[in-house]
């Protein structure tokens, strides 16, 4: 079933983004979709822990929240940069995300890196190591809101 859903999504995306419907290009598009499906299957994309299409309905809400957090972090980092004292306090923290599936751990680590002032350094067995530019950024991550929202992504 996952293979069929992915095939439909890939083909629909190709058709919408291509905009070309001549027989040759449709054949090449079908070939490219088939090749992507074969490669996805060989890399384990359809395995339960790696399959991410089930997150789709919950992702827009997460993205809008993340966009708001990115804007807030951009303003905070701009204030730091423009401050004559450059008040940085580099900190490395760890976030325990072992209870999350691997795909949600990756989503959380990427969300952290997308937020200015924080960078995910490593994900090892569900523990995410994060470099924070300031203690405030570390505090924001330690309060657990981003982890809670990522957890909501993977709940069934």
Protein backbone atom coordinates (compact mmCIF):
# COMPACT_ATOMS: atom_id res chain seq x y z
CA UNK A 1 0.00 0.00 0.00
CA UNK A 2 2.82 2.41 0.86
CA UNK A 3 4.43 1.71 -2.49
CA UNK A 4 1.18 2.53 -4.32
CA UNK A 5 0.62 5.75 -2.34
CA UNK A 6 4.20 6.84 -3.02
CA UNK A 7 3.83 6.01 -6.72
CA UNK A 8 0.69 8.14 -6.95
CA UNK A 9 2.32 11.04 -5.07
CA UNK A 10 5.49 10.88 -7.18
CA UNK A 11 3.58 10.67 -10.47
CA UNK A 12 1.20 13.49 -9.49
CA UNK A 13 4.13 15.68 -8.44
CA UNK A 14 5.93 14.99 -11.72
CA UNK A 15 2.81 15.75 -13.78
CA UNK A 16 2.05 18.97 -11.89
CA UNK A 17 5.61 20.29 -11.89
CA UNK A 18 6.51 19.20 -15.39
CA UNK A 19 3.68 20.81 -17.30
CA UNK A 20 4.70 18.83 -20.40
CA UNK A 21 2.40 16.11 -21.67
CA UNK A 22 3.90 14.89 -24.93
CA UNK A 23 4.19 11.09 -25.25
CA UNK A 24 7.99 11.10 -25.02
CA UNK A 25 8.06 13.26 -21.90
CA UNK A 26 5.27 11.24 -20.28
CA UNK A 27 7.30 8.09 -20.94
CA UNK A 28 10.44 9.68 -19.50
CA UNK A 29 8.43 10.89 -16.50
CA UNK A 30 7.06 7.39 -15.87
CA UNK A 31 10.59 6.01 -16.16
CA UNK A 32 11.96 8.56 -13.69
CA UNK A 33 9.12 7.86 -11.21
CA UNK A 34 9.75 4.12 -11.51
CA UNK A 35 13.47 4.63 -10.97
CA UNK A 36 12.82 6.76 -7.87
CA UNK A 37 10.45 4.10 -6.50
CA UNK A 38 13.03 1.36 -7.06
CA UNK A 39 15.76 3.40 -5.39
CA UNK A 40 13.43 4.31 -2.52
CA UNK A 41 12.60 0.65 -1.97
CA UNK A 42 16.28 -0.34 -2.03
CA UNK A 43 17.18 2.33 0.55
CA UNK A 44 14.43 1.24 2.94
CA UNK A 45 12.10 4.19 2.37
CA UNK A 46 9.05 1.99 2.76
CA UNK A 47 10.20 0.52 6.07
CA UNK A 48 7.88 1.39 8.95
CA UNK A 49 10.43 3.49 10.83
CA UNK A 50 11.55 5.45 7.77
CA UNK A 51 8.28 5.96 5.90
CA UNK A 52 7.25 9.59 6.32
CA UNK A 53 4.08 10.06 4.28
CA UNK A 54 1.93 9.34 7.35
CA UNK A 55 3.20 12.62 8.84
CA UNK A 56 1.63 14.59 5.98
CA UNK A 57 -1.65 15.65 7.62
CA UNK A 58 0.15 16.94 10.73
CA UNK A 59 3.07 18.64 9.00
CA UNK A 60 1.40 21.93 7.93
CA UNK A 61 0.51 22.81 11.52
CA UNK A 62 4.09 21.98 12.60
CA UNK A 63 5.52 24.03 9.72
CA UNK A 64 3.46 27.10 10.59
CA UNK A 65 4.57 26.87 14.20
CA UNK A 66 8.18 26.35 13.08
CA UNK A 67 7.98 29.35 10.74
CA UNK A 68 6.90 31.52 13.67
CA UNK A 69 9.82 30.19 15.73
CA UNK A 70 12.26 30.83 12.88
CA UNK A 71 11.11 34.46 12.63
CA UNK A 72 11.46 34.92 16.40
CA UNK A 73 14.93 33.37 16.35
CA UNK A 74 15.96 35.55 13.39
CA UNK A 75 15.01 38.67 15.34
CA UNK A 76 16.92 37.42 18.40
CA UNK A 77 20.04 36.63 16.37
CA UNK A 78 19.85 40.00 14.57
CA UNK A 79 19.73 41.76 17.97
CA UNK A 80 22.79 39.82 19.08
CA UNK A 81 24.70 40.65 15.93
CA UNK A 82 23.79 44.33 16.05
CA UNK A 83 24.64 44.64 19.75
CA UNK A 84 28.03 46.28 20.34
CA UNK A 85 28.79 43.80 23.15
CA UNK A 86 27.90 40.72 21.06
CA UNK A 87 26.28 38.88 23.99
CA UNK A 88 26.80 35.27 22.99
CA UNK A 89 27.10 32.32 25.34
CA UNK A 90 27.81 29.28 23.18
CA UNK A 91 26.34 26.20 24.79
CA UNK A 92 26.02 22.57 23.81
CA UNK A 93 22.94 20.74 25.08
CA UNK A 94 21.42 17.33 24.46
CA UNK A 95 17.81 16.52 23.74
CA UNK A 96 16.53 13.05 24.50
CA UNK A 97 14.32 12.00 21.56
CA UNK A 98 14.74 8.23 21.95
CA UNK A 99 10.98 7.80 22.28
CA UNK A 100 10.44 9.18 18.76
CA UNK A 101 10.63 7.19 15.51
CA UNK A 102 13.75 7.81 13.45
CA UNK A 103 11.95 9.94 10.85
CA UNK A 104 10.58 12.20 13.59
CA UNK A 105 14.02 12.43 15.19
CA UNK A 106 15.37 13.60 11.83
CA UNK A 107 12.50 16.09 11.47
CA UNK A 108 13.23 17.46 14.96
CA UNK A 109 16.98 17.72 14.29
CA UNK A 110 16.31 19.51 10.99
CA UNK A 111 13.83 21.87 12.66
CA UNK A 112 16.45 22.75 15.28
CA UNK A 113 19.02 23.46 12.58
CA UNK A 114 16.54 25.60 10.61
CA UNK A 115 16.05 27.81 13.66
CA UNK A 116 18.76 30.53 13.68
CA UNK A 117 21.07 30.36 16.67
CA UNK A 118 20.89 26.56 16.98
CA UNK A 119 22.54 23.75 15.04
CA UNK A 120 22.03 20.01 15.47
CA UNK A 121 25.52 18.57 15.67
CA UNK A 122 24.76 14.88 16.01
CA UNK A 123 21.94 12.41 16.43
CA UNK A 124 23.08 9.22 18.10
CA UNK A 125 20.56 6.59 19.24
CA UNK A 126 17.87 9.23 19.66
CA UNK A 127 19.96 11.76 21.56
CA UNK A 128 20.35 15.02 19.64
CA UNK A 129 23.40 17.14 20.43
CA UNK A 130 22.71 20.83 19.76
CA UNK A 131 24.99 23.87 19.66
CA UNK A 132 23.17 27.00 20.85
CA UNK A 133 24.44 30.54 20.31
CA UNK A 134 22.95 31.82 23.57
CA UNK A 135 21.69 30.52 26.88
CA UNK A 136 18.22 31.78 25.91
CA UNK A 137 18.22 29.57 22.81
CA UNK A 138 19.33 26.63 24.95
CA UNK A 139 16.57 27.43 27.44
CA UNK A 140 13.98 27.53 24.68
CA UNK A 141 15.03 24.07 23.53
CA UNK A 142 15.26 22.72 27.07
CA UNK A 143 11.70 23.87 27.83
CA UNK A 144 10.65 21.07 25.49
CA UNK A 145 8.12 22.83 23.26
CA UNK A 146 9.85 21.81 20.01
CA UNK A 147 10.21 18.24 21.29
CA UNK A 148 6.53 18.19 22.29
CA UNK A 149 5.44 19.41 18.86
CA UNK A 150 7.67 16.84 17.14
CA UNK A 151 6.16 14.15 19.38
CA UNK A 152 2.69 15.22 18.25
CA UNK A 153 3.79 14.57 14.65
CA UNK A 154 4.39 10.89 15.28
CA UNK A 155 1.39 10.13 17.51
CA UNK A 156 -1.19 7.84 15.98
